[in-house]
Amino acid sequence: MVLKAIVFDVDGTLVDSVDAVVESFRLAAKELGVGIDLDAVKRLLGLPSREIARLVGVPSNLLDRFVELRRQYMGMLWSRYVKLYPDVIEVLSELRRRGFKLGVASGNIRSRLEFMLNYFGIAQYFDAVVAQDEVQRPKPYPDIIVEALRRLGVEPEESIYVGDTVIDVVCARSANVKIVIVKRPHVTDDLGADYVIRDLRELLNLVDELARSR
């Protein structure tokens, strides 16, 4: 494998946002008097929030209001709950030093994604950033990874995708890209990934192993 590029998911992979996202769903559901399964919300992370809401039982006539409320609550919770994982800057910096192209393929919309990357000071590390509203179909369809690879100028077999959900696994497989799952605290199993790491720093050893296996 001639590894040239590494593409990352953001929420739950680089940024610890899972608790805030789940809490925003809980608060929106409570305000509307809707019962939802928060464990199911966690399992569906990676999908657009409207699709998650639909799948966990928010009535269709309340979906628009629910999505807007969830967005408002997320804004209120963001600064208190959302943090950059402590291993991220070290790893991104080292990968860049080694000459890899780095990209982002995120289920966030462009404006929110750019804000997040700049807020945490990591935008500078990425050669290509693709958000869900820049492609025709969101995750788990492969469009977002395919577009990231196009912008990076690499082929699927020259790349890996790093994520944290089963949605990321399906998305990467559909794009014919090997998938690495980071077992952050909210990740309960290996999700059928090609590679599993427990800390992002383990990615540095993994890319060395992949380079030696070619």
Protein backbone atom coordinates (compact mmCIF):
# COMPACT_ATOMS: atom_id res chain seq x y z
CA MET A 1 0.00 0.00 0.00
CA VAL A 2 1.47 3.34 -1.06
CA LEU A 3 -0.17 5.56 1.52
CA LYS A 4 -0.29 9.19 0.43
CA ALA A 5 -3.30 10.68 2.22
CA ILE A 6 -5.22 10.42 5.47
CA VAL A 7 -8.76 11.78 5.65
CA PHE A 8 -10.46 12.43 8.98
CA ASP A 9 -13.94 12.64 10.36
CA VAL A 10 -14.18 15.46 12.93
CA ASP A 11 -17.00 15.04 15.47
CA GLY A 12 -16.13 12.22 17.86
CA THR A 13 -12.79 11.62 16.12
CA LEU A 14 -10.80 14.84 16.44
CA VAL A 15 -13.28 16.82 18.53
CA ASP A 16 -15.01 15.49 21.64
CA SER A 17 -18.55 16.61 20.84
CA VAL A 18 -20.62 13.47 21.41
CA ASP A 19 -21.98 14.38 24.86
CA ALA A 20 -23.01 17.83 23.64
CA VAL A 21 -24.74 16.42 20.57
CA VAL A 22 -26.67 13.82 22.58
CA GLU A 23 -27.63 16.41 25.20
CA SER A 24 -28.89 18.76 22.48
CA PHE A 25 -31.15 15.96 21.21
CA ARG A 26 -32.40 15.30 24.74
CA LEU A 27 -33.23 18.94 25.40
CA ALA A 28 -34.98 19.44 22.06
CA ALA A 29 -37.05 16.29 22.59
CA LYS A 30 -37.95 17.35 26.13
CA GLU A 31 -39.11 20.78 24.98
CA LEU A 32 -41.35 19.24 22.33
CA GLY A 33 -42.59 16.45 24.60
CA VAL A 34 -41.18 13.73 22.35
CA GLY A 35 -39.70 10.50 23.69
CA ILE A 36 -36.49 9.41 21.95
CA ASP A 37 -33.86 6.72 22.52
CA LEU A 38 -30.60 8.51 23.31
CA ASP A 39 -28.57 5.32 22.87
CA ALA A 40 -29.96 5.13 19.34
CA VAL A 41 -28.90 8.74 18.79
CA LYS A 42 -25.33 7.75 19.70
CA ARG A 43 -25.39 4.80 17.31
CA LEU A 44 -26.60 7.01 14.46
CA LEU A 45 -24.07 9.81 14.90
CA GLY A 46 -22.52 10.64 11.56
CA LEU A 47 -25.88 10.97 9.83
CA PRO A 48 -27.45 14.42 9.32
CA SER A 49 -29.28 15.52 12.48
CA ARG A 50 -32.64 15.60 10.69
CA GLU A 51 -32.20 11.99 9.61
CA ILE A 52 -31.22 10.94 13.13
CA ALA A 53 -34.29 12.69 14.52
CA ARG A 54 -36.53 10.93 12.01
CA LEU A 55 -35.02 7.52 12.76
CA VAL A 56 -35.37 7.88 16.54
CA GLY A 57 -39.05 8.68 16.26
CA VAL A 58 -39.52 12.45 16.05
CA PRO A 59 -42.87 12.90 14.24
CA SER A 60 -42.59 14.27 10.71
CA ASN A 61 -44.69 17.33 11.55
CA LEU A 62 -42.20 18.27 14.29
CA LEU A 63 -38.96 17.59 12.42
CA ASP A 64 -38.30 21.16 11.27
CA ARG A 65 -38.92 22.57 14.75
CA PHE A 66 -36.88 19.80 16.37
CA VAL A 67 -33.86 20.40 14.12
CA GLU A 68 -33.96 24.13 14.81
CA LEU A 69 -34.27 23.61 18.57
CA ARG A 70 -31.43 21.10 18.56
CA ARG A 71 -29.24 23.58 16.68
CA GLN A 72 -30.02 26.28 19.25
CA TYR A 73 -29.26 24.00 22.18
CA MET A 74 -26.03 22.85 20.53
CA GLY A 75 -24.96 26.47 20.29
CA MET A 76 -25.63 26.94 24.00
CA LEU A 77 -23.77 23.76 24.98
CA TRP A 78 -20.84 24.11 22.61
CA SER A 79 -18.33 26.16 24.58
CA ARG A 80 -18.97 24.21 27.78
CA TYR A 81 -18.85 20.65 26.44
CA VAL A 82 -16.97 20.51 23.13
CA LYS A 83 -13.21 20.00 23.38
CA LEU A 84 -10.34 19.03 21.11
CA TYR A 85 -9.00 15.59 21.99
CA PRO A 86 -5.52 16.03 23.53
CA ASP A 87 -3.73 13.77 21.02
CA VAL A 88 -4.87 15.62 17.89
CA ILE A 89 -2.39 18.44 17.31
CA GLU A 90 0.62 16.24 18.03
CA VAL A 91 -0.52 13.64 15.50
CA LEU A 92 -1.59 16.05 12.76
CA SER A 93 1.68 17.92 13.07
CA GLU A 94 3.73 14.74 12.81
CA LEU A 95 1.75 13.42 9.84
CA ARG A 96 2.35 16.69 8.02
CA ARG A 97 6.04 16.52 8.89
CA ARG A 98 6.15 13.05 7.31
CA GLY A 99 4.72 14.44 4.09
CA PHE A 100 1.21 13.00 4.09
CA LYS A 101 -1.67 14.89 2.54
CA LEU A 102 -4.40 15.43 5.12
CA GLY A 103 -8.09 15.96 4.55
CA VAL A 104 -11.41 16.27 6.34
CA ALA A 105 -14.68 14.64 5.27
CA SER A 106 -17.29 15.67 7.83
CA GLY A 107 -21.02 15.37 8.27
CA ASN A 108 -21.11 18.98 9.47
CA ILE A 109 -22.18 21.84 7.21
CA ARG A 110 -19.39 24.03 5.83
CA SER A 111 -19.90 27.09 8.03
CA ARG A 112 -19.94 25.05 11.25
CA LEU A 113 -17.02 22.90 10.15
CA GLU A 114 -14.83 25.89 9.28
CA PHE A 115 -15.69 27.52 12.60
CA MET A 116 -14.74 24.37 14.50
CA LEU A 117 -11.43 23.83 12.71
CA ASN A 118 -10.43 27.46 13.18
CA TYR A 119 -11.65 27.61 16.78
CA PHE A 120 -9.40 24.70 17.74
CA GLY A 121 -6.49 25.91 15.61
CA ILE A 122 -6.26 22.86 13.35
CA ALA A 123 -7.47 24.21 9.99
CA GLN A 124 -3.86 24.81 8.94
CA TYR A 125 -3.08 21.09 8.90
CA PHE A 126 -5.55 20.15 6.17
CA ASP A 127 -5.08 20.28 2.41
CA ALA A 128 -8.76 19.63 1.68
CA VAL A 129 -11.90 20.08 3.76
CA VAL A 130 -15.27 18.75 2.58
CA ALA A 131 -18.58 19.29 4.38
CA GLN A 132 -21.88 17.50 3.87
CA ASP A 133 -23.53 20.47 2.16
CA GLU A 134 -20.87 20.42 -0.57
CA VAL A 135 -21.84 17.01 -1.93
CA GLN A 136 -25.04 15.57 -3.35
CA ARG A 137 -25.51 12.81 -0.78
CA PRO A 138 -24.46 12.79 2.91
CA LYS A 139 -22.88 9.94 4.84
CA PRO A 140 -23.21 6.96 4.72
CA TYR A 141 -23.00 7.51 0.95
CA PRO A 142 -19.38 7.75 -0.23
CA ASP A 143 -19.68 11.18 -1.90
CA ILE A 144 -17.96 13.13 0.85
CA ILE A 145 -14.85 10.91 0.92
CA VAL A 146 -14.75 10.66 -2.87
CA GLU A 147 -14.76 14.46 -3.10
CA ALA A 148 -12.02 14.76 -0.46
CA LEU A 149 -9.82 12.34 -2.42
CA ARG A 150 -10.50 14.26 -5.63
CA ARG A 151 -9.37 17.51 -4.02
CA LEU A 152 -6.30 15.82 -2.56
CA GLY A 153 -5.43 14.30 -5.93
CA VAL A 154 -5.12 10.72 -4.66
CA GLU A 155 -6.74 7.35 -5.35
CA PRO A 156 -8.77 5.30 -2.82
CA GLU A 157 -6.02 2.69 -2.52
CA GLU A 158 -3.56 5.46 -1.57
CA SER A 159 -5.72 6.65 1.32
CA ILE A 160 -7.24 5.77 4.66
CA TYR A 161 -10.21 7.29 6.47
CA VAL A 162 -10.19 7.81 10.23
CA GLY A 163 -13.53 7.90 12.04
CA ASP A 164 -15.48 6.75 15.08
CA THR A 165 -18.90 5.43 13.98
CA VAL A 166 -20.44 2.62 11.98
CA ILE A 167 -21.62 5.35 9.58
CA ASP A 168 -17.95 6.16 8.94
CA VAL A 169 -17.25 2.47 8.27
CA VAL A 170 -20.06 2.23 5.70
CA CYS A 171 -19.04 5.51 4.08
CA ALA A 172 -15.38 4.49 3.72
CA ARG A 173 -16.20 1.01 2.44
CA SER A 174 -18.53 2.51 -0.17
CA ALA A 175 -15.65 4.73 -1.30
CA ASN A 176 -13.27 1.72 -1.43
CA VAL A 177 -11.08 3.26 1.25
CA LYS A 178 -9.63 1.43 4.26
CA ILE A 179 -11.23 2.56 7.51
CA VAL A 180 -9.51 3.20 10.85
CA ILE A 181 -11.75 3.47 13.91
CA VAL A 182 -10.51 5.40 16.93
CA LYS A 183 -11.99 3.85 20.07
CA ARG A 184 -12.82 7.04 21.89
CA PRO A 185 -14.71 6.56 25.19
CA HIS A 186 -18.09 6.54 23.42
CA VAL A 187 -17.06 3.78 20.96
CA THR A 188 -18.12 0.43 22.38
CA ASP A 189 -16.85 -2.04 19.76
CA ASP A 190 -14.63 -2.36 16.68
CA LEU A 191 -17.52 -1.72 14.25
CA GLY A 192 -16.02 -4.04 11.64
CA ALA A 193 -13.23 -1.60 10.79
CA ASP A 194 -10.08 -2.55 8.89
CA TYR A 195 -7.95 -1.14 11.70
CA VAL A 196 -8.76 -0.15 15.28
CA ILE A 197 -6.71 2.18 17.47
CA ARG A 198 -7.35 3.33 21.02
CA ASP A 199 -5.48 6.61 20.82
CA LEU A 200 -4.84 8.78 17.79
CA ARG A 201 -1.10 8.51 18.49
CA GLU A 202 -1.34 4.85 17.46
CA LEU A 203 -2.08 6.11 13.96
CA LEU A 204 1.59 7.08 13.63
CA ASN A 205 2.68 3.46 14.10
CA LEU A 206 -0.11 2.22 11.86
CA VAL A 207 0.93 4.36 8.90
CA ASP A 208 4.50 3.09 9.34
CA GLU A 209 3.23 -0.50 9.24
CA LEU A 210 1.17 0.19 6.14
CA ALA A 211 4.17 1.75 4.43
CA ARG A 212 6.31 -1.31 5.23
CA SER A 213 3.65 -3.72 3.94
CA ARG A 214 3.63 -2.42 0.37
